[in-house]
Structures are given as C-alpha cells and as structure tokens.
PDB file of N, CA and C in Angstrom:
ATOM      1  N   UNK A   1       0.685  -1.321  -0.404  1.00  0.00           N
ATOM      2  CA  UNK A   1       0.508  -0.281  -0.066  1.00  0.00           C
ATOM      3  C   UNK A   1       0.565   1.170   0.132  1.00  0.00           C
ATOM      4  N   UNK A   2       1.850   1.476   0.323  1.00  0.00           N
ATOM      5  CA  UNK A   2       2.452   2.488   1.128  1.00  0.00           C
ATOM      6  C   UNK A   2       2.786   3.036  -0.510  1.00  0.00           C
ATOM      7  N   UNK A   3       3.908   1.292  -1.513  1.00  0.00           N
ATOM      8  CA  UNK A   3       4.339   1.958  -2.369  1.00  0.00           C
ATOM      9  C   UNK A   3       3.463   2.473  -3.644  1.00  0.00           C
ATOM     10  N   UNK A   4       2.326   1.990  -3.136  1.00  0.00           N
ATOM     11  CA  UNK A   4       0.984   2.397  -4.802  1.00  0.00           C
ATOM     12  C   UNK A   4       1.262   4.345  -4.000  1.00  0.00           C
ATOM     13  N   UNK A   5       1.236   4.556  -3.092  1.00  0.00           N
ATOM     14  CA  UNK A   5       0.540   5.288  -2.418  1.00  0.00           C
ATOM     15  C   UNK A   5       2.180   6.875  -3.018  1.00  0.00           C
ATOM     16  N   UNK A   6       3.239   5.911  -2.579  1.00  0.00           N
ATOM     17  CA  UNK A   6       4.124   6.829  -3.347  1.00  0.00           C
ATOM     18  C   UNK A   6       4.057   7.076  -5.143  1.00  0.00           C
ATOM     19  N   UNK A   7       3.834   6.218  -5.668  1.00  0.00           N
ATOM     20  CA  UNK A   7       3.594   6.257  -7.014  1.00  0.00           C
ATOM     21  C   UNK A   7       2.561   6.949  -7.126  1.00  0.00           C
ATOM     22  N   UNK A   8       0.942   7.209  -6.689  1.00  0.00           N
ATOM     23  CA  UNK A   8       0.724   7.837  -6.863  1.00  0.00           C
ATOM     24  C   UNK A   8       0.890   9.579  -6.779  1.00  0.00           C
ATOM     25  N   UNK A   9       1.615   9.854  -4.991  1.00  0.00           N
ATOM     26  CA  UNK A   9       2.038  11.266  -5.453  1.00  0.00           C
ATOM     27  C   UNK A   9       2.703  11.515  -6.207  1.00  0.00           C
ATOM     28  N   UNK A  10       3.862  10.587  -6.724  1.00  0.00           N
ATOM     29  CA  UNK A  10       4.919  11.164  -7.741  1.00  0.00           C
ATOM     30  C   UNK A  10       4.075  11.215  -9.344  1.00  0.00           C
ATOM     31  N   UNK A  11       2.728  10.162  -9.217  1.00  0.00           N
ATOM     32  CA  UNK A  11       2.283  11.369 -10.567  1.00  0.00           C
ATOM     33  C   UNK A  11       1.378  12.352 -10.763  1.00  0.00           C
ATOM     34  N   UNK A  12       0.837  12.315  -9.665  1.00  0.00           N
ATOM     35  CA  UNK A  12       0.717  14.151  -8.820  1.00  0.00           C
ATOM     36  C   UNK A  12       1.528  15.144  -9.458  1.00  0.00           C
ATOM     37  N   UNK A  13       2.711  14.568  -8.580  1.00  0.00           N
ATOM     38  CA  UNK A  13       3.644  15.910  -9.427  1.00  0.00           C
ATOM     39  C   UNK A  13       2.876  16.358 -10.367  1.00  0.00           C
ATOM     40  N   UNK A  14       3.875  15.468 -11.083  1.00  0.00           N
ATOM     41  CA  UNK A  14       4.391  15.175 -12.575  1.00  0.00           C
ATOM     42  C   UNK A  14       3.026  16.048 -12.883  1.00  0.00           C
ATOM     43  N   UNK A  15       2.086  15.326 -13.225  1.00  0.00           N
ATOM     44  CA  UNK A  15       0.878  16.034 -13.294  1.00  0.00           C
ATOM     45  C   UNK A  15       0.365  18.004 -12.876  1.00  0.00           C
ATOM     46  N   UNK A  16       0.821  18.235 -11.773  1.00  0.00           N
ATOM     47  CA  UNK A  16       0.818  19.514 -11.484  1.00  0.00           C
ATOM     48  C   UNK A  16       1.717  20.360 -11.813  1.00  0.00           C
ATOM     49  N   UNK A  17       2.982  20.038 -12.251  1.00  0.00           N
ATOM     50  CA  UNK A  17       3.692  20.681 -12.422  1.00  0.00           C
ATOM     51  C   UNK A  17       3.803  21.141 -13.568  1.00  0.00           C
ATOM     52  N   UNK A  18       4.297  22.225 -14.167  1.00  0.00           N
ATOM     53  CA  UNK A  18       4.103  22.799 -15.841  1.00  0.00           C
ATOM     54  C   UNK A  18       5.128  22.036 -16.327  1.00  0.00           C
ATOM     55  N   UNK A  19       4.396  22.766 -18.015  1.00  0.00           N
ATOM     56  CA  UNK A  19       4.966  21.774 -18.661  1.00  0.00           C
ATOM     57  C   UNK A  19       6.976  22.543 -19.373  1.00  0.00           C
ATOM     58  N   UNK A  20       7.697  21.348 -19.249  1.00  0.00           N
ATOM     59  CA  UNK A  20       8.907  22.265 -20.027  1.00  0.00           C
ATOM     60  C   UNK A  20       8.603  23.103 -20.594  1.00  0.00           C
ATOM     61  N   UNK A  21       9.249  24.347 -21.025  1.00  0.00           N
ATOM     62  CA  UNK A  21       9.789  24.835 -21.954  1.00  0.00           C
ATOM     63  C   UNK A  21       9.228  24.386 -23.522  1.00  0.00           C
ATOM     64  N   UNK A  22       8.926  25.263 -24.695  1.00  0.00           N
ATOM     65  CA  UNK A  22       8.811  24.197 -25.818  1.00  0.00           C
ATOM     66  C   UNK A  22      10.453  25.937 -26.523  1.00  0.00           C
ATOM     67  N   UNK A  23      11.697  24.955 -26.981  1.00  0.00           N
ATOM     68  CA  UNK A  23      12.394  25.817 -28.489  1.00  0.00           C
ATOM     69  C   UNK A  23      11.493  26.441 -29.121  1.00  0.00           C
ATOM     70  N   UNK A  24      12.138  27.624 -29.777  1.00  0.00           N
ATOM     71  CA  UNK A  24      10.580  28.391 -30.616  1.00  0.00           C
ATOM     72  C   UNK A  24      11.446  27.813 -31.925  1.00  0.00           C
ATOM     73  N   UNK A  25      11.862  27.018 -32.260  1.00  0.00           N
ATOM     74  CA  UNK A  25      12.403  26.112 -33.754  1.00  0.00           C
ATOM     75  C   UNK A  25      11.269  25.445 -33.699  1.00  0.00           C
ATOM     76  N   UNK A  26      11.219  25.030 -32.616  1.00  0.00           N
ATOM     77  CA  UNK A  26      10.483  23.727 -32.695  1.00  0.00           C
ATOM     78  C   UNK A  26       9.331  23.426 -33.446  1.00  0.00           C
ATOM     79  N   UNK A  27       8.075  24.971 -32.802  1.00  0.00           N
ATOM     80  CA  UNK A  27       7.358  25.594 -33.468  1.00  0.00           C
ATOM     81  C   UNK A  27       7.231  25.269 -35.535  1.00  0.00           C
ATOM     82  N   UNK A  28       8.007  26.045 -36.246  1.00  0.00           N
ATOM     83  CA  UNK A  28       8.486  26.657 -37.361  1.00  0.00           C
ATOM     84  C   UNK A  28       8.570  25.179 -37.676  1.00  0.00           C
ATOM     85  N   UNK A  29       9.331  24.346 -37.588  1.00  0.00           N
ATOM     86  CA  UNK A  29       9.664  22.854 -37.650  1.00  0.00           C
ATOM     87  C   UNK A  29       8.393  21.831 -37.776  1.00  0.00           C
ATOM     88  N   UNK A  30       7.952  22.000 -36.529  1.00  0.00           N
ATOM     89  CA  UNK A  30       6.428  21.047 -37.155  1.00  0.00           C
ATOM     90  C   UNK A  30       6.000  21.527 -38.039  1.00  0.00           C
ATOM     91  N   UNK A  31       5.883  22.529 -37.732  1.00  0.00           N
ATOM     92  CA  UNK A  31       4.291  23.663 -39.409  1.00  0.00           C
ATOM     93  C   UNK A  31       4.524  22.679 -40.770  1.00  0.00           C
ATOM     94  N   UNK A  32       6.314  22.981 -40.842  1.00  0.00           N
ATOM     95  CA  UNK A  32       7.327  22.520 -41.670  1.00  0.00           C
ATOM     96  C   UNK A  32       6.949  21.297 -42.442  1.00  0.00           C
ATOM     97  N   UNK A  33       7.309  20.445 -41.354  1.00  0.00           N
ATOM     98  CA  UNK A  33       6.395  18.853 -41.539  1.00  0.00           C
ATOM     99  C   UNK A  33       5.305  18.554 -41.947  1.00  0.00           C
ATOM    100  N   UNK A  34       4.523  19.925 -41.576  1.00  0.00           N
ATOM    101  CA  UNK A  34       3.055  19.034 -41.600  1.00  0.00           C
ATOM    102  C   UNK A  34       2.843  19.799 -42.657  1.00  0.00           C
ATOM    103  N   UNK A  35       3.000  20.313 -43.593  1.00  0.00           N
ATOM    104  CA  UNK A  35       2.642  21.184 -44.668  1.00  0.00           C
ATOM    105  C   UNK A  35       3.168  20.223 -45.620  1.00  0.00           C
ATOM    106  N   UNK A  36       4.707  19.288 -45.774  1.00  0.00           N
ATOM    107  CA  UNK A  36       4.874  18.399 -46.312  1.00  0.00           C
ATOM    108  C   UNK A  36       4.235  17.544 -46.284  1.00  0.00           C
ATOM    109  N   UNK A  37       3.894  16.882 -45.098  1.00  0.00           N
ATOM    110  CA  UNK A  37       2.871  16.211 -44.845  1.00  0.00           C
ATOM    111  C   UNK A  37       2.015  15.956 -45.596  1.00  0.00           C
ATOM    112  N   UNK A  38       1.508  16.544 -45.884  1.00  0.00           N
ATOM    113  CA  UNK A  38      -0.465  17.163 -46.325  1.00  0.00           C
ATOM    114  C   UNK A  38       0.292  16.893 -47.415  1.00  0.00           C
ATOM    115  N   UNK A  39       1.435  17.458 -48.192  1.00  0.00           N
ATOM    116  CA  UNK A  39       1.172  17.384 -50.125  1.00  0.00           C
ATOM    117  C   UNK A  39       1.390  16.590 -50.413  1.00  0.00           C
ATOM    118  N   UNK A  40       2.357  15.722 -49.084  1.00  0.00           N
ATOM    119  CA  UNK A  40       2.587  14.912 -49.781  1.00  0.00           C
ATOM    120  C   UNK A  40       1.552  13.351 -50.017  1.00  0.00           C
ATOM    121  N   UNK A  41       0.591  13.494 -49.183  1.00  0.00           N
ATOM    122  CA  UNK A  41      -0.543  12.730 -48.335  1.00  0.00           C
ATOM    123  C   UNK A  41      -1.304  13.099 -49.777  1.00  0.00           C
ATOM    124  N   UNK A  42      -1.839  14.037 -50.015  1.00  0.00           N
ATOM    125  CA  UNK A  42      -2.618  14.740 -51.527  1.00  0.00           C
ATOM    126  C   UNK A  42      -1.667  14.315 -53.142  1.00  0.00           C
ATOM    127  N   UNK A  43      -0.858  14.626 -53.011  1.00  0.00           N
ATOM    128  CA  UNK A  43      -0.163  13.736 -54.145  1.00  0.00           C
ATOM    129  C   UNK A  43      -0.490  12.343 -54.458  1.00  0.00           C
ATOM    130  N   UNK A  44      -0.517  11.516 -53.380  1.00  0.00           N
ATOM    131  CA  UNK A  44      -0.600   9.939 -53.097  1.00  0.00           C
ATOM    132  C   UNK A  44      -1.786  10.185 -53.382  1.00  0.00           C
ATOM    133  N   UNK A  45      -2.703  10.575 -53.284  1.00  0.00           N
ATOM    134  CA  UNK A  45      -4.180  10.789 -53.579  1.00  0.00           C
ATOM    135  C   UNK A  45      -4.535  10.919 -54.914  1.00  0.00           C
ATOM    136  N   UNK A  46      -3.809  11.987 -55.466  1.00  0.00           N
ATOM    137  CA  UNK A  46      -4.146  12.017 -56.832  1.00  0.00           C
ATOM    138  C   UNK A  46      -3.369  10.740 -57.400  1.00  0.00           C
ATOM    139  N   UNK A  47      -2.532  10.182 -57.275  1.00  0.00           N
ATOM    140  CA  UNK A  47      -1.625   9.010 -58.048  1.00  0.00           C
ATOM    141  C   UNK A  47      -2.697   7.961 -57.913  1.00  0.00           C
ATOM    142  N   UNK A  48      -3.002   8.034 -56.613  1.00  0.00           N
ATOM    143  CA  UNK A  48      -3.730   6.623 -56.675  1.00  0.00           C
ATOM    144  C   UNK A  48      -5.566   6.813 -57.444  1.00  0.00           C
ATOM    145  N   UNK A  49      -5.951   8.225 -57.536  1.00  0.00           N
ATOM    146  CA  UNK A  49      -7.192   8.433 -58.326  1.00  0.00           C
ATOM    147  C   UNK A  49      -6.487   7.398 -59.965  1.00  0.00           C
ATOM    148  N   UNK A  50      -5.291   8.147 -60.055  1.00  0.00           N
ATOM    149  CA  UNK A  50      -5.236   8.088 -61.811  1.00  0.00           C
ATOM    150  C   UNK A  50      -4.877   7.023 -62.110  1.00  0.00           C
ATOM    151  N   UNK A  51      -4.466   6.301 -60.655  1.00  0.00           N
ATOM    152  CA  UNK A  51      -4.392   4.624 -61.215  1.00  0.00           C
ATOM    153  C   UNK A  51      -5.173   4.182 -60.895  1.00  0.00           C
ATOM    154  N   UNK A  52      -6.298   3.963 -60.743  1.00  0.00           N
ATOM    155  CA  UNK A  52      -7.938   3.410 -60.826  1.00  0.00           C
ATOM    156  C   UNK A  52      -8.575   4.003 -62.165  1.00  0.00           C
ATOM    157  N   UNK A  53      -8.300   5.271 -62.284  1.00  0.00           N
ATOM    158  CA  UNK A  53      -8.958   5.459 -63.791  1.00  0.00           C
ATOM    159  C   UNK A  53      -8.065   4.341 -64.642  1.00  0.00           C
ATOM    160  N   UNK A  54      -6.640   5.229 -64.807  1.00  0.00           N
ATOM    161  CA  UNK A  54      -6.143   4.067 -66.243  1.00  0.00           C
ATOM    162  C   UNK A  54      -6.627   2.953 -65.785  1.00  0.00           C
ATOM    163  N   UNK A  55      -6.732   1.884 -64.971  1.00  0.00           N
ATOM    164  CA  UNK A  55      -7.354   0.578 -64.758  1.00  0.00           C
ATOM    165  C   UNK A  55      -8.592   0.601 -64.837  1.00  0.00           C
ATOM    166  N   UNK A  56      -9.170   1.481 -64.788  1.00  0.00           N
ATOM    167  CA  UNK A  56     -10.842   1.421 -65.295  1.00  0.00           C
ATOM    168  C   UNK A  56     -10.764   1.136 -67.098  1.00  0.00           C
ATOM    169  N   UNK A  57      -9.638   3.054 -67.744  1.00  0.00           N
ATOM    170  CA  UNK A  57      -9.851   2.808 -68.313  1.00  0.00           C
ATOM    171  C   UNK A  57      -9.294   1.156 -69.431  1.00  0.00           C
ATOM    172  N   UNK A  58      -8.056   0.903 -69.080  1.00  0.00           N
ATOM    173  CA  UNK A  58      -7.810  -0.236 -69.411  1.00  0.00           C
ATOM    174  C   UNK A  58      -8.809  -1.602 -69.025  1.00  0.00           C
ATOM    175  N   UNK A  59      -9.759  -1.796 -68.627  1.00  0.00           N
ATOM    176  CA  UNK A  59     -11.147  -2.533 -68.737  1.00  0.00           C
ATOM    177  C   UNK A  59     -11.782  -2.576 -69.342  1.00  0.00           C
ATOM    178  N   UNK A  60     -12.649  -1.303 -69.688  1.00  0.00           N
ATOM    179  CA  UNK A  60     -13.296  -0.724 -70.978  1.00  0.00           C
ATOM    180  C   UNK A  60     -12.501  -1.661 -71.683  1.00  0.00           C
ATOM    181  N   UNK A  61     -11.381  -1.242 -72.302  1.00  0.00           N
ATOM    182  CA  UNK A  61     -10.721  -1.231 -73.346  1.00  0.00           C
ATOM    183  C   UNK A  61     -10.245  -2.856 -73.566  1.00  0.00           C
ATOM    184  N   UNK A  62     -10.412  -3.716 -72.774  1.00  0.00           N
ATOM    185  CA  UNK A  62     -10.144  -4.801 -72.764  1.00  0.00           C
ATOM    186  C   UNK A  62     -11.291  -6.005 -73.024  1.00  0.00           C
ATOM    187  N   UNK A  63     -12.575  -5.103 -71.986  1.00  0.00           N
ATOM    188  CA  UNK A  63     -13.757  -5.595 -72.383  1.00  0.00           C
ATOM    189  C   UNK A  63     -14.271  -5.272 -73.970  1.00  0.00           C
ATOM    190  N   UNK A  64     -14.426  -3.943 -74.014  1.00  0.00           N
ATOM    191  CA  UNK A  64     -14.560  -3.724 -75.391  1.00  0.00           C
ATOM    192  C   UNK A  64     -13.989  -4.239 -76.698  1.00  0.00           C
ATOM    193  N   UNK A  65     -12.444  -4.972 -76.151  1.00  0.00           N
ATOM    194  CA  UNK A  65     -11.735  -5.772 -77.364  1.00  0.00           C
ATOM    195  C   UNK A  65     -11.663  -7.391 -77.468  1.00  0.00           C
ATOM    196  N   UNK A  66     -12.379  -7.842 -76.492  1.00  0.00           N
ATOM    197  CA  UNK A  66     -12.611  -9.529 -75.844  1.00  0.00           C
ATOM    198  C   UNK A  66     -13.570  -9.765 -75.931  1.00  0.00           C
ATOM    199  N   UNK A  67     -15.036  -8.501 -75.554  1.00  0.00           N
ATOM    200  CA  UNK A  67     -16.308  -9.289 -75.255  1.00  0.00           C
ATOM    201  C   UNK A  67     -16.329 -10.199 -74.692  1.00  0.00           C
ATOM    202  N   UNK A  68     -15.764 -10.452 -73.209  1.00  0.00           N
ATOM    203  CA  UNK A  68     -16.244 -11.506 -72.757  1.00  0.00           C
ATOM    204  C   UNK A  68     -17.879 -12.625 -72.611  1.00  0.00           C
ATOM    205  N   UNK A  69     -19.163 -11.043 -72.212  1.00  0.00           N
ATOM    206  CA  UNK A  69     -19.925 -11.759 -72.964  1.00  0.00           C
ATOM    207  C   UNK A  69     -20.630 -12.596 -73.976  1.00  0.00           C
ATOM    208  N   UNK A  70     -20.278 -12.676 -74.807  1.00  0.00           N
ATOM    209  CA  UNK A  70     -20.739 -13.330 -76.085  1.00  0.00           C
ATOM    210  C   UNK A  70     -19.904 -14.485 -75.884  1.00  0.00           C
ATOM    211  N   UNK A  71     -20.926 -15.458 -76.773  1.00  0.00           N
ATOM    212  CA  UNK A  71     -20.737 -17.361 -76.276  1.00  0.00           C
ATOM    213  C   UNK A  71     -19.113 -17.167 -77.227  1.00  0.00           C
ATOM    214  N   UNK A  72     -19.022 -18.401 -77.280  1.00  0.00           N
ATOM    215  CA  UNK A  72     -17.603 -18.183 -78.040  1.00  0.00           C
ATOM    216  C   UNK A  72     -18.324 -19.542 -79.157  1.00  0.00           C
ATOM    217  N   UNK A  73     -17.597 -19.357 -80.411  1.00  0.00           N
ATOM    218  CA  UNK A  73     -17.945 -20.114 -81.722  1.00  0.00           C
ATOM    219  C   UNK A  73     -17.864 -21.539 -81.198  1.00  0.00           C
ATOM    220  N   UNK A  74     -18.467 -22.100 -81.535  1.00  0.00           N
ATOM    221  CA  UNK A  74     -18.377 -23.466 -81.354  1.00  0.00           C
ATOM    222  C   UNK A  74     -17.718 -24.447 -82.377  1.00  0.00           C
ATOM    223  N   UNK A  75     -17.069 -24.928 -81.317  1.00  0.00           N
ATOM    224  CA  UNK A  75     -15.327 -25.404 -82.083  1.00  0.00           C
ATOM    225  C   UNK A  75     -15.879 -27.089 -82.728  1.00  0.00           C
ATOM    226  N   UNK A  76     -17.228 -27.335 -82.703  1.00  0.00           N
ATOM    227  CA  UNK A  76     -17.649 -29.057 -82.909  1.00  0.00           C
ATOM    228  C   UNK A  76     -19.036 -29.147 -83.959  1.00  0.00           C
ATOM    229  N   UNK A  77     -19.009 -29.560 -84.967  1.00  0.00           N
ATOM    230  CA  UNK A  77     -20.222 -29.268 -85.203  1.00  0.00           C
ATOM    231  C   UNK A  77     -21.694 -30.401 -84.679  1.00  0.00           C
ATOM    232  N   UNK A  78     -22.764 -29.955 -84.942  1.00  0.00           N
ATOM    233  CA  UNK A  78     -23.620 -30.634 -84.894  1.00  0.00           C
ATOM    234  C   UNK A  78     -23.643 -32.827 -85.333  1.00  0.00           C
ATOM    235  N   UNK A  79     -23.961 -33.749 -84.551  1.00  0.00           N
ATOM    236  CA  UNK A  79     -24.605 -34.966 -85.332  1.00  0.00           C
ATOM    237  C   UNK A  79     -25.451 -34.705 -86.537  1.00  0.00           C
ATOM    238  N   UNK A  80     -25.241 -34.953 -87.538  1.00  0.00           N
ATOM    239  CA  UNK A  80     -26.732 -34.935 -89.081  1.00  0.00           C
ATOM    240  C   UNK A  80     -27.162 -36.345 -88.408  1.00  0.00           C
ATOM    241  N   UNK A  81     -28.721 -35.799 -87.860  1.00  0.00           N
ATOM    242  CA  UNK A  81     -29.544 -36.373 -88.127  1.00  0.00           C
ATOM    243  C   UNK A  81     -30.479 -36.012 -89.225  1.00  0.00           C
ATOM    244  N   UNK A  82     -31.522 -37.630 -89.117  1.00  0.00           N
ATOM    245  CA  UNK A  82     -32.531 -37.564 -90.158  1.00  0.00           C
ATOM    246  C   UNK A  82     -32.502 -37.442 -91.872  1.00  0.00           C
ATOM    247  N   UNK A  83     -31.033 -38.125 -92.167  1.00  0.00           N
ATOM    248  CA  UNK A  83     -31.358 -38.238 -93.088  1.00  0.00           C
ATOM    249  C   UNK A  83     -31.557 -39.547 -94.392  1.00  0.00           C
TER     250      UNK A  83
END
C-alpha cells in the first residue's frame, strides 16, 4: 500500500508541474513537416485516383476488344440426323 501511494504522489507531482518550455524553432519545424506531410498525402491521393482511372480505362478497352459476354463459337459440328 505504501509503494502505491508513493507512485500516486509521484504521478500527481508530475501532473501538477508546469510543462517544460518548448524551443522556438520547434514550432516552425512542426509546421514545415506538417505541410510537407499534407502535400505528400494529396499527391498520393492524386496518384491513386489516376491509377484507378487508368485501370478502369484499361478494363473498358479490354472488355470492348475481348467481349467476354459473347458466347464463343462452337468448335464441333452438331451430329447429322434424319438423312
């Protein structure tokens, strides 16, 4: 019980203490990195949309050339009956 109360007191002391000062250049670095991250995400989103569009166009071109919905012609002749 004594150890847990010491831990609680240490945590309370940490929470009640004022936060350490932040260096001035840290804000500028964070803004620069954040902007870079946003630009990179936007570029990746554009690339993914372009890839999706290219895949859709390729599928439409393939489907119009191969016409997979049409039944292939029969390669055998039907038997002759009724001669």
